[in-house]
PDB file of N, CA and C in Angstrom:
ATOM      1  N   MET A   1       0.842  -1.174   0.000  1.00  0.00           N
ATOM      2  CA  MET A   1       0.000   0.000   0.000  1.00  0.00           C
ATOM      3  C   MET A   1       0.893   1.245   0.000  1.00  0.00           C
ATOM      4  N   PRO A   2       0.744   2.157  -0.945  1.00  0.00           N
ATOM      5  CA  PRO A   2       1.571   3.363  -1.011  1.00  0.00           C
ATOM      6  C   PRO A   2       1.476   4.247   0.236  1.00  0.00           C
ATOM      7  N   VAL A   3       0.341   4.269   0.920  1.00  0.00           N
ATOM      8  CA  VAL A   3       0.198   5.099   2.123  1.00  0.00           C
ATOM      9  C   VAL A   3       1.174   4.635   3.199  1.00  0.00           C
ATOM     10  N   GLY A   4       1.519   3.377   3.203  1.00  0.00           N
ATOM     11  CA  GLY A   4       2.477   2.856   4.166  1.00  0.00           C
ATOM     12  C   GLY A   4       3.863   3.462   4.019  1.00  0.00           C
ATOM     13  N   ALA A   5       4.133   4.074   2.882  1.00  0.00           N
ATOM     14  CA  ALA A   5       5.438   4.698   2.653  1.00  0.00           C
ATOM     15  C   ALA A   5       5.518   6.115   3.216  1.00  0.00           C
ATOM     16  N   LEU A   6       4.402   6.672   3.661  1.00  0.00           N
ATOM     17  CA  LEU A   6       4.410   8.022   4.232  1.00  0.00           C
ATOM     18  C   LEU A   6       5.138   8.038   5.566  1.00  0.00           C
ATOM     19  N   ASP A   7       5.804   9.142   5.856  1.00  0.00           N
ATOM     20  CA  ASP A   7       6.399   9.258   7.182  1.00  0.00           C
ATOM     21  C   ASP A   7       5.313   9.728   8.157  1.00  0.00           C
ATOM     22  N   ALA A   8       5.635   9.757   9.403  1.00  0.00           N
ATOM     23  CA  ALA A   8       4.644  10.092  10.435  1.00  0.00           C
ATOM     24  C   ALA A   8       4.721  11.558  10.852  1.00  0.00           C
ATOM     25  N   SER A   9       5.183  12.427   9.984  1.00  0.00           N
ATOM     26  CA  SER A   9       5.269  13.850  10.322  1.00  0.00           C
ATOM     27  C   SER A   9       3.893  14.385  10.694  1.00  0.00           C
ATOM     28  N   PRO A  10       3.815  15.255  11.691  1.00  0.00           N
ATOM     29  CA  PRO A  10       2.527  15.814  12.080  1.00  0.00           C
ATOM     30  C   PRO A  10       1.943  16.665  10.952  1.00  0.00           C
ATOM     31  N   GLY A  11       0.629  16.716  10.917  1.00  0.00           N
ATOM     32  CA  GLY A  11      -0.045  17.547   9.928  1.00  0.00           C
ATOM     33  C   GLY A  11      -1.194  16.809   9.272  1.00  0.00           C
ATOM     34  N   LEU A  12      -1.690  17.407   8.208  1.00  0.00           N
ATOM     35  CA  LEU A  12      -2.826  16.880   7.469  1.00  0.00           C
ATOM     36  C   LEU A  12      -2.329  16.287   6.150  1.00  0.00           C
ATOM     37  N   VAL A  13      -2.734  15.055   5.857  1.00  0.00           N
ATOM     38  CA  VAL A  13      -2.335  14.368   4.630  1.00  0.00           C
ATOM     39  C   VAL A  13      -3.603  14.028   3.850  1.00  0.00           C
ATOM     40  N   PHE A  14      -3.633  14.376   2.571  1.00  0.00           N
ATOM     41  CA  PHE A  14      -4.782  14.120   1.701  1.00  0.00           C
ATOM     42  C   PHE A  14      -4.491  12.867   0.887  1.00  0.00           C
ATOM     43  N   VAL A  15      -5.374  11.870   0.987  1.00  0.00           N
ATOM     44  CA  VAL A  15      -5.182  10.594   0.291  1.00  0.00           C
ATOM     45  C   VAL A  15      -6.397  10.339  -0.597  1.00  0.00           C
ATOM     46  N   MET A  16      -6.165  10.220  -1.908  1.00  0.00           N
ATOM     47  CA  MET A  16      -7.247   9.888  -2.836  1.00  0.00           C
ATOM     48  C   MET A  16      -7.130   8.409  -3.181  1.00  0.00           C
ATOM     49  N   VAL A  17      -8.200   7.667  -2.952  1.00  0.00           N
ATOM     50  CA  VAL A  17      -8.197   6.245  -3.280  1.00  0.00           C
ATOM     51  C   VAL A  17      -8.892   6.029  -4.616  1.00  0.00           C
ATOM     52  N   THR A  18      -8.634   4.907  -5.250  1.00  0.00           N
ATOM     53  CA  THR A  18      -9.136   4.673  -6.608  1.00  0.00           C
ATOM     54  C   THR A  18     -10.317   3.722  -6.665  1.00  0.00           C
ATOM     55  N   ARG A  19     -10.686   3.158  -5.535  1.00  0.00           N
ATOM     56  CA  ARG A  19     -11.824   2.233  -5.490  1.00  0.00           C
ATOM     57  C   ARG A  19     -12.869   2.726  -4.510  1.00  0.00           C
ATOM     58  N   VAL A  20     -14.047   2.164  -4.626  1.00  0.00           N
ATOM     59  CA  VAL A  20     -15.127   2.477  -3.699  1.00  0.00           C
ATOM     60  C   VAL A  20     -15.083   1.452  -2.563  1.00  0.00           C
ATOM     61  N   TYR A  21     -15.037   1.940  -1.337  1.00  0.00           N
ATOM     62  CA  TYR A  21     -14.991   1.084  -0.156  1.00  0.00           C
ATOM     63  C   TYR A  21     -16.268   1.272   0.649  1.00  0.00           C
ATOM     64  N   PRO A  22     -16.616   0.313   1.495  1.00  0.00           N
ATOM     65  CA  PRO A  22     -17.839   0.441   2.303  1.00  0.00           C
ATOM     66  C   PRO A  22     -17.649   1.398   3.484  1.00  0.00           C
ATOM     67  N   ARG A  23     -17.340   2.628   3.173  1.00  0.00           N
ATOM     68  CA  ARG A  23     -17.147   3.699   4.160  1.00  0.00           C
ATOM     69  C   ARG A  23     -17.772   4.960   3.580  1.00  0.00           C
ATOM     70  N   PRO A  24     -17.889   5.996   4.379  1.00  0.00           N
ATOM     71  CA  PRO A  24     -18.338   7.273   3.803  1.00  0.00           C
ATOM     72  C   PRO A  24     -17.382   7.712   2.689  1.00  0.00           C
ATOM     73  N   GLN A  25     -17.872   8.557   1.787  1.00  0.00           N
ATOM     74  CA  GLN A  25     -17.039   8.987   0.663  1.00  0.00           C
ATOM     75  C   GLN A  25     -15.776   9.698   1.130  1.00  0.00           C
ATOM     76  N   MET A  26     -15.853  10.395   2.251  1.00  0.00           N
ATOM     77  CA  MET A  26     -14.679  11.046   2.840  1.00  0.00           C
ATOM     78  C   MET A  26     -14.613  10.653   4.307  1.00  0.00           C
ATOM     79  N   PHE A  27     -13.430  10.268   4.771  1.00  0.00           N
ATOM     80  CA  PHE A  27     -13.271   9.932   6.182  1.00  0.00           C
ATOM     81  C   PHE A  27     -11.860  10.278   6.630  1.00  0.00           C
ATOM     82  N   ILE A  28     -11.691  10.458   7.924  1.00  0.00           N
ATOM     83  CA  ILE A  28     -10.401  10.866   8.503  1.00  0.00           C
ATOM     84  C   ILE A  28      -9.901   9.768   9.430  1.00  0.00           C
ATOM     85  N   VAL A  29      -8.604   9.470   9.321  1.00  0.00           N
ATOM     86  CA  VAL A  29      -7.971   8.490  10.193  1.00  0.00           C
ATOM     87  C   VAL A  29      -6.872   9.209  10.966  1.00  0.00           C
ATOM     88  N   GLU A  30      -6.946   9.142  12.285  1.00  0.00           N
ATOM     89  CA  GLU A  30      -5.891   9.712  13.130  1.00  0.00           C
ATOM     90  C   GLU A  30      -4.703   8.761  13.072  1.00  0.00           C
ATOM     91  N   HIS A  31      -3.528   9.309  12.846  1.00  0.00           N
ATOM     92  CA  HIS A  31      -2.329   8.489  12.750  1.00  0.00           C
ATOM     93  C   HIS A  31      -1.366   8.934  13.843  1.00  0.00           C
ATOM     94  N   GLU A  32      -0.281   8.252  13.963  1.00  0.00           N
ATOM     95  CA  GLU A  32       0.672   8.579  15.032  1.00  0.00           C
ATOM     96  C   GLU A  32       1.250   9.985  14.889  1.00  0.00           C
ATOM     97  N   ARG A  33       1.711  10.540  15.996  1.00  0.00           N
ATOM     98  CA  ARG A  33       2.397  11.842  16.071  1.00  0.00           C
ATOM     99  C   ARG A  33       1.582  12.991  15.480  1.00  0.00           C
ATOM    100  N   ASP A  34       0.303  13.054  15.811  1.00  0.00           N
ATOM    101  CA  ASP A  34      -0.563  14.168  15.412  1.00  0.00           C
ATOM    102  C   ASP A  34      -0.736  14.310  13.907  1.00  0.00           C
ATOM    103  N   GLN A  35      -0.727  13.200  13.205  1.00  0.00           N
ATOM    104  CA  GLN A  35      -0.991  13.237  11.770  1.00  0.00           C
ATOM    105  C   GLN A  35      -2.428  12.784  11.534  1.00  0.00           C
ATOM    106  N   ARG A  36      -3.135  13.535  10.707  1.00  0.00           N
ATOM    107  CA  ARG A  36      -4.502  13.174  10.328  1.00  0.00           C
ATOM    108  C   ARG A  36      -4.513  12.924   8.828  1.00  0.00           C
ATOM    109  N   ARG A  37      -5.025  11.768   8.433  1.00  0.00           N
ATOM    110  CA  ARG A  37      -5.111  11.423   7.012  1.00  0.00           C
ATOM    111  C   ARG A  37      -6.560  11.528   6.564  1.00  0.00           C
ATOM    112  N   VAL A  38      -6.788  12.376   5.580  1.00  0.00           N
ATOM    113  CA  VAL A  38      -8.120  12.574   5.025  1.00  0.00           C
ATOM    114  C   VAL A  38      -8.216  11.734   3.754  1.00  0.00           C
ATOM    115  N   TYR A  39      -9.061  10.724   3.777  1.00  0.00           N
ATOM    116  CA  TYR A  39      -9.255   9.841   2.635  1.00  0.00           C
ATOM    117  C   TYR A  39     -10.504  10.264   1.873  1.00  0.00           C
ATOM    118  N   VAL A  40     -10.379  10.305   0.546  1.00  0.00           N
ATOM    119  CA  VAL A  40     -11.517  10.611  -0.319  1.00  0.00           C
ATOM    120  C   VAL A  40     -11.575   9.517  -1.376  1.00  0.00           C
ATOM    121  N   GLN A  41     -12.776   8.978  -1.557  1.00  0.00           N
ATOM    122  CA  GLN A  41     -12.937   7.928  -2.550  1.00  0.00           C
ATOM    123  C   GLN A  41     -13.960   8.351  -3.594  1.00  0.00           C
ATOM    124  N   PRO A  42     -13.928   7.738  -4.787  1.00  0.00           N
ATOM    125  CA  PRO A  42     -14.902   8.102  -5.813  1.00  0.00           C
ATOM    126  C   PRO A  42     -16.309   7.668  -5.392  1.00  0.00           C
ATOM    127  N   SER A  43     -17.300   8.292  -5.968  1.00  0.00           N
ATOM    128  CA  SER A  43     -18.687   7.951  -5.634  1.00  0.00           C
ATOM    129  C   SER A  43     -19.154   6.686  -6.350  1.00  0.00           C
ATOM    130  N   ARG A  44     -18.446   6.304  -7.407  1.00  0.00           N
ATOM    131  CA  ARG A  44     -18.754   5.065  -8.132  1.00  0.00           C
ATOM    132  C   ARG A  44     -17.457   4.538  -8.744  1.00  0.00           C
ATOM    133  N   LYS A  45     -17.505   3.314  -9.277  1.00  0.00           N
ATOM    134  CA  LYS A  45     -16.322   2.710  -9.858  1.00  0.00           C
ATOM    135  C   LYS A  45     -15.737   3.615 -10.955  1.00  0.00           C
ATOM    136  N   VAL A  46     -14.426   3.783 -10.931  1.00  0.00           N
ATOM    137  CA  VAL A  46     -13.738   4.604 -11.927  1.00  0.00           C
ATOM    138  C   VAL A  46     -13.629   3.779 -13.212  1.00  0.00           C
ATOM    139  N   PRO A  47     -14.120   4.321 -14.354  1.00  0.00           N
ATOM    140  CA  PRO A  47     -14.203   3.520 -15.594  1.00  0.00           C
ATOM    141  C   PRO A  47     -12.887   3.448 -16.388  1.00  0.00           C
ATOM    142  N   ILE A  48     -11.789   3.132 -15.719  1.00  0.00           N
ATOM    143  CA  ILE A  48     -10.518   2.933 -16.418  1.00  0.00           C
ATOM    144  C   ILE A  48      -9.842   1.695 -15.823  1.00  0.00           C
ATOM    145  N   SER A  49      -8.895   1.143 -16.578  1.00  0.00           N
ATOM    146  CA  SER A  49      -8.225  -0.051 -16.074  1.00  0.00           C
ATOM    147  C   SER A  49      -6.796   0.211 -15.625  1.00  0.00           C
ATOM    148  N   ALA A  50      -6.224   1.372 -15.987  1.00  0.00           N
ATOM    149  CA  ALA A  50      -4.856   1.686 -15.589  1.00  0.00           C
ATOM    150  C   ALA A  50      -4.684   3.198 -15.463  1.00  0.00           C
ATOM    151  N   TRP A  51      -3.802   3.606 -14.545  1.00  0.00           N
ATOM    152  CA  TRP A  51      -3.481   5.017 -14.346  1.00  0.00           C
ATOM    153  C   TRP A  51      -2.166   5.317 -15.024  1.00  0.00           C
ATOM    154  N   ASP A  52      -2.064   6.483 -15.620  1.00  0.00           N
ATOM    155  CA  ASP A  52      -0.795   6.927 -16.220  1.00  0.00           C
ATOM    156  C   ASP A  52      -0.019   7.741 -15.217  1.00  0.00           C
TER     157      ASP A  52
END
């Protein structure tokens, strides 16, 4: 998972995911050392098979 490569620096991190998960479209995960990760997912399946 690419998010696992992030360091734990404090602050706000914006993460865009490419799939639809069974969660709200936007959600926040508190991470170590005062880091908050804001995840945003598409509202429906993205109609492409590969990212450039």
